[in-house]
Amino acid sequence: MILFVGCSFTWGAGLQFEYLTKERGWTSDEINAINPPKSHLEHLDYKCDEYRKKHHYPNLVAKQMNMGYVMGKLGNGGTNYEFPKILKYTSTELAGQESIQLVVIQFTDWVRSCPEIEKRQDYDGTDNRDFLSDKHIDDIITQQIKTISTNINKLAKGGTNWIGWSWKDDLAQVLKTKFPKNYMPLYHKGKEYDSMDELIVVDGDWRFDDFSFQHKDKLRICDVIKGVNDPHLSSTGHKVIANSIIRRLK
């Protein structure tokens, strides 16, 4: 069995919008009106959720590898500080059972719930990180990964195999350098990428989380539904992640 742990990218946020557009004719304005945090995607109906579960990369990987899979978290979202708690709870639930053969971690932005950032957060919610040195950031990211790795190893006697990939490139570089056995690159159109950041480049700038334009590769929701303010992975983007994981495993 494979355990998948990650944030909204792993859960499949935004895939429901593909279904609503294709099957029910929703407009971009209607979709933007329910786009989180305006509403909870978990509250959409059965068919929307079934579309999400069918097309998100955990299901695609498990199907190709002919393995069962479980999600570390039932709902949408997550932080690198939440993942160890999820893994700790999982190890308690397993209580010696070695049913998890592999853990796939999708690391999210290191600033989420980061104590150093939250202490200095601006009143308007801006996560001003300029006061941190490069070494301090590297240390924070390293500790996040170490804590997650430690809790994964508690899932079974002798430890549990895990691979990880990152949305943001700064974390990807730490993962690649300090945890090379666990690091997973992404592959797209014959090229290797360190992170999702690298996948969407416009005029030399990395703009994965910028939904102000439509990228030709259609990897994001905003690329396939014009006017929708959502840079989460499209079903095409989930296939890219799934194929990268399968390639790494094989």
Protein backbone atom coordinates (compact mmCIF):
# COMPACT_ATOMS: atom_id res chain seq x y z
CA MET A 1 0.00 0.00 0.00
CA ILE A 2 1.15 3.55 -0.78
CA LEU A 3 0.56 6.43 1.61
CA PHE A 4 0.32 9.85 -0.04
CA VAL A 5 0.86 12.95 2.09
CA GLY A 6 0.71 16.47 0.70
CA CYS A 7 -1.27 19.69 0.47
CA SER A 8 -4.02 20.75 -1.95
CA PHE A 9 -1.94 19.65 -4.96
CA THR A 10 -2.01 16.05 -3.74
CA TRP A 11 -5.67 16.15 -2.70
CA GLY A 12 -6.62 17.35 -6.18
CA ALA A 13 -8.02 20.80 -5.51
CA GLY A 14 -9.38 22.40 -8.66
CA LEU A 15 -10.05 19.19 -10.56
CA GLN A 16 -13.71 19.62 -9.62
CA PHE A 17 -13.73 22.77 -11.76
CA GLU A 18 -12.84 20.72 -14.84
CA TYR A 19 -15.89 18.57 -14.19
CA LEU A 20 -18.19 21.54 -13.56
CA THR A 21 -17.05 23.20 -16.78
CA LYS A 22 -17.17 20.14 -19.04
CA GLU A 23 -20.25 18.41 -17.66
CA ARG A 24 -22.40 21.25 -16.32
CA GLY A 25 -21.34 24.25 -18.36
CA TRP A 26 -20.23 26.40 -15.45
CA THR A 27 -18.63 29.74 -16.33
CA SER A 28 -15.36 31.05 -14.95
CA ASP A 29 -17.30 33.60 -12.87
CA GLU A 30 -19.37 30.83 -11.28
CA ILE A 31 -16.24 28.85 -10.47
CA ASN A 32 -14.36 31.86 -9.07
CA ALA A 33 -17.34 32.50 -6.79
CA ILE A 34 -16.70 29.18 -4.98
CA ASN A 35 -12.92 29.10 -5.27
CA PRO A 36 -11.36 28.67 -1.78
CA PRO A 37 -11.32 30.38 0.62
CA LYS A 38 -14.77 31.50 -0.52
CA SER A 39 -16.08 27.97 0.03
CA HIS A 40 -14.94 24.43 0.87
CA LEU A 41 -14.36 22.14 -2.10
CA GLU A 42 -15.15 19.22 0.22
CA HIS A 43 -18.77 20.42 0.14
CA LEU A 44 -19.20 19.85 -3.60
CA ASP A 45 -21.33 16.87 -4.64
CA TYR A 46 -20.53 13.20 -5.22
CA LYS A 47 -19.78 13.38 -8.96
CA CYS A 48 -17.42 16.34 -8.48
CA ASP A 49 -15.52 14.43 -5.81
CA GLU A 50 -15.42 11.23 -7.85
CA TYR A 51 -13.88 13.18 -10.74
CA ARG A 52 -11.24 14.54 -8.35
CA LYS A 53 -10.39 11.10 -6.96
CA LYS A 54 -10.23 9.55 -10.42
CA HIS A 55 -7.84 12.14 -11.86
CA HIS A 56 -5.57 13.11 -8.95
CA TYR A 57 -2.08 11.66 -9.19
CA PRO A 58 -2.27 9.31 -6.15
CA ASN A 59 -4.97 7.29 -7.91
CA LEU A 60 -3.09 7.35 -11.23
CA VAL A 61 0.09 6.05 -9.56
CA ALA A 62 -1.67 3.34 -7.55
CA LYS A 63 -3.58 2.15 -10.62
CA GLN A 64 -0.43 1.90 -12.74
CA MET A 65 1.54 0.18 -9.95
CA ASN A 66 -1.42 -2.11 -9.14
CA MET A 67 -1.27 -1.17 -5.46
CA GLY A 68 -3.74 0.04 -2.90
CA TYR A 69 -3.35 3.56 -1.64
CA VAL A 70 -4.50 5.82 1.18
CA MET A 71 -4.39 9.56 1.74
CA GLY A 72 -2.72 10.90 4.85
CA LYS A 73 -5.38 13.56 5.16
CA LEU A 74 -9.04 13.31 4.17
CA GLY A 75 -9.55 16.99 3.39
CA ASN A 76 -7.92 19.72 1.37
CA GLY A 77 -4.66 21.52 2.23
CA GLY A 78 -1.71 20.91 4.52
CA THR A 79 1.66 22.18 5.76
CA ASN A 80 5.08 20.65 6.31
CA TYR A 81 4.47 21.06 10.05
CA GLU A 82 1.19 19.15 9.84
CA PHE A 83 2.65 16.17 7.96
CA PRO A 84 4.61 14.75 10.95
CA LYS A 85 1.41 14.81 13.03
CA ILE A 86 -0.40 12.90 10.29
CA LEU A 87 2.41 10.34 10.11
CA LYS A 88 2.55 10.00 13.89
CA TYR A 89 -1.18 9.33 14.00
CA THR A 90 -0.83 6.79 11.16
CA SER A 91 1.92 4.89 12.99
CA THR A 92 -0.30 4.74 16.09
CA GLU A 93 -3.21 3.44 14.06
CA LEU A 94 -1.06 0.77 12.39
CA ALA A 95 0.26 -0.43 15.77
CA GLY A 96 2.93 -2.72 14.34
CA GLN A 97 1.20 -3.59 11.10
CA GLU A 98 3.54 -3.11 8.17
CA SER A 99 0.89 -2.38 5.56
CA ILE A 100 2.50 0.80 4.24
CA GLN A 101 5.19 -0.15 1.72
CA LEU A 102 5.93 3.33 0.42
CA VAL A 103 5.25 6.93 1.43
CA VAL A 104 5.09 9.65 -1.20
CA ILE A 105 5.52 13.14 0.25
CA GLN A 106 4.58 16.27 -1.68
CA PHE A 107 6.32 19.05 0.22
CA THR A 108 4.47 22.34 0.30
CA ASP A 109 5.77 25.89 0.76
CA TRP A 110 8.09 25.92 3.79
CA VAL A 111 6.68 29.26 5.03
CA ARG A 112 3.25 27.79 5.84
CA SER A 113 2.83 27.69 9.64
CA CYS A 114 6.56 28.41 10.04
CA PRO A 115 7.03 29.88 13.57
CA GLU A 116 9.80 32.25 12.48
CA ILE A 117 7.58 33.66 9.72
CA GLU A 118 4.45 33.87 11.86
CA LYS A 119 6.28 35.88 14.53
CA ARG A 120 7.22 38.50 11.96
CA GLN A 121 4.12 38.34 9.78
CA ASP A 122 2.84 41.73 8.70
CA TYR A 123 -0.52 42.92 9.93
CA ASP A 124 -2.00 42.43 6.47
CA GLY A 125 -0.96 38.77 6.48
CA THR A 126 2.10 39.17 4.23
CA ASP A 127 4.75 36.57 5.10
CA ASN A 128 7.75 38.90 5.07
CA ARG A 129 10.75 36.58 5.03
CA ASP A 130 13.47 39.11 4.13
CA PHE A 131 14.81 39.09 7.71
CA LEU A 132 15.91 35.44 7.33
CA SER A 133 19.36 34.63 5.98
CA ASP A 134 19.80 31.97 3.30
CA LYS A 135 21.42 29.71 5.90
CA HIS A 136 18.51 30.17 8.30
CA ILE A 137 16.03 29.28 5.55
CA ASP A 138 18.14 26.25 4.62
CA ASP A 139 18.16 25.15 8.27
CA ILE A 140 14.37 25.55 8.58
CA ILE A 141 13.72 23.51 5.44
CA THR A 142 16.25 20.83 6.48
CA GLN A 143 14.57 20.44 9.86
CA GLN A 144 11.13 20.19 8.25
CA ILE A 145 12.30 17.35 6.00
CA LYS A 146 14.19 15.58 8.83
CA THR A 147 11.15 15.64 11.11
CA ILE A 148 8.93 14.20 8.38
CA SER A 149 11.52 11.53 7.54
CA THR A 150 11.86 10.53 11.21
CA ASN A 151 8.12 10.02 11.53
CA ILE A 152 7.97 8.01 8.29
CA ASN A 153 10.59 5.62 9.68
CA LYS A 154 8.35 4.89 12.65
CA LEU A 155 5.66 3.40 10.42
CA ALA A 156 7.39 0.01 10.32
CA LYS A 157 10.30 -1.85 11.88
CA GLY A 158 13.46 -1.01 10.02
CA GLY A 159 11.87 2.10 8.55
CA THR A 160 9.68 2.73 5.53
CA ASN A 161 10.77 3.72 2.05
CA TRP A 162 9.78 7.22 0.99
CA ILE A 163 10.24 9.58 -1.91
CA GLY A 164 9.48 13.26 -1.97
CA TRP A 165 8.98 16.06 -4.44
CA SER A 166 8.39 19.76 -4.03
CA TRP A 167 6.12 22.48 -5.28
CA LYS A 168 8.65 25.21 -4.44
CA ASP A 169 12.20 25.18 -5.77
CA ASP A 170 13.96 26.36 -2.58
CA LEU A 171 12.81 23.24 -0.73
CA ALA A 172 13.52 21.06 -3.77
CA GLN A 173 17.17 22.12 -3.74
CA VAL A 174 17.58 21.13 -0.07
CA LEU A 175 15.81 17.83 -0.71
CA LYS A 176 17.96 17.12 -3.77
CA THR A 177 21.23 18.00 -2.01
CA LYS A 178 20.73 16.59 1.49
CA PHE A 179 18.26 13.74 0.85
CA PRO A 180 19.28 12.46 -2.61
CA LYS A 181 17.99 8.91 -2.01
CA ASN A 182 14.53 10.26 -1.31
CA TYR A 183 14.46 13.11 -3.83
CA MET A 184 12.17 12.73 -6.82
CA PRO A 185 12.59 14.92 -9.93
CA LEU A 186 9.73 15.75 -12.25
CA TYR A 187 9.77 14.83 -15.94
CA HIS A 188 7.96 16.66 -18.70
CA LYS A 189 8.48 16.50 -22.46
CA GLY A 190 11.83 14.79 -22.15
CA LYS A 191 13.26 17.24 -19.62
CA GLU A 192 13.96 16.89 -15.90
CA TYR A 193 12.73 19.49 -13.43
CA ASP A 194 13.56 19.95 -9.75
CA SER A 195 10.17 21.38 -8.76
CA MET A 196 6.77 22.49 -9.98
CA ASP A 197 8.10 26.05 -9.98
CA GLU A 198 10.30 25.16 -12.95
CA LEU A 199 7.46 23.73 -15.01
CA ILE A 200 5.81 27.06 -15.82
CA VAL A 201 8.28 29.58 -17.21
CA VAL A 202 7.33 32.78 -19.04
CA ASP A 203 10.03 35.09 -20.40
CA GLY A 204 12.59 33.39 -18.20
CA ASP A 205 10.58 33.82 -14.98
CA TRP A 206 9.09 30.97 -12.93
CA ARG A 207 5.39 31.72 -12.64
CA PHE A 208 3.69 28.49 -11.60
CA ASP A 209 1.45 30.17 -9.02
CA ASP A 210 0.55 33.08 -11.30
CA PHE A 211 -2.93 32.58 -12.78
CA SER A 212 -2.93 35.79 -14.84
CA PHE A 213 -2.14 33.93 -18.07
CA GLN A 214 -2.71 30.59 -19.78
CA HIS A 215 0.35 28.43 -20.35
CA LYS A 216 0.58 26.34 -23.51
CA ASP A 217 1.25 23.07 -21.67
CA LYS A 218 -2.12 23.16 -19.86
CA LEU A 219 -0.69 21.87 -16.58
CA ARG A 220 -2.85 24.07 -14.35
CA ILE A 221 -6.58 24.68 -13.95
CA CYS A 222 -6.14 28.30 -15.06
CA ASP A 223 -4.50 26.99 -18.25
CA VAL A 224 -7.49 24.85 -19.26
CA ILE A 225 -10.34 27.11 -18.05
CA LYS A 226 -9.83 30.69 -19.16
CA GLY A 227 -10.55 33.27 -16.48
CA VAL A 228 -10.47 30.88 -13.53
CA ASN A 229 -8.19 32.10 -10.74
CA ASP A 230 -6.73 28.73 -9.81
CA PRO A 231 -3.13 27.61 -10.45
CA HIS A 232 -3.66 24.12 -9.03
CA LEU A 233 -2.82 21.14 -11.21
CA SER A 234 -5.14 20.21 -14.05
CA SER A 235 -5.77 16.57 -14.93
CA THR A 236 -2.90 16.94 -17.42
CA GLY A 237 -0.66 18.27 -14.65
CA HIS A 238 -1.59 15.35 -12.41
CA LYS A 239 -0.54 12.97 -15.18
CA VAL A 240 2.88 14.64 -15.30
CA ILE A 241 3.34 14.14 -11.55
CA ALA A 242 2.03 10.55 -11.70
CA ASN A 243 4.33 9.62 -14.60
CA SER A 244 7.29 11.14 -12.75
CA ILE A 245 6.56 9.07 -9.64
CA ILE A 246 6.08 5.89 -11.67
CA ARG A 247 9.34 6.51 -13.50
CA ARG A 248 11.14 7.02 -10.16
CA LEU A 249 9.67 3.83 -8.70
CA LYS A 250 10.50 1.72 -11.73
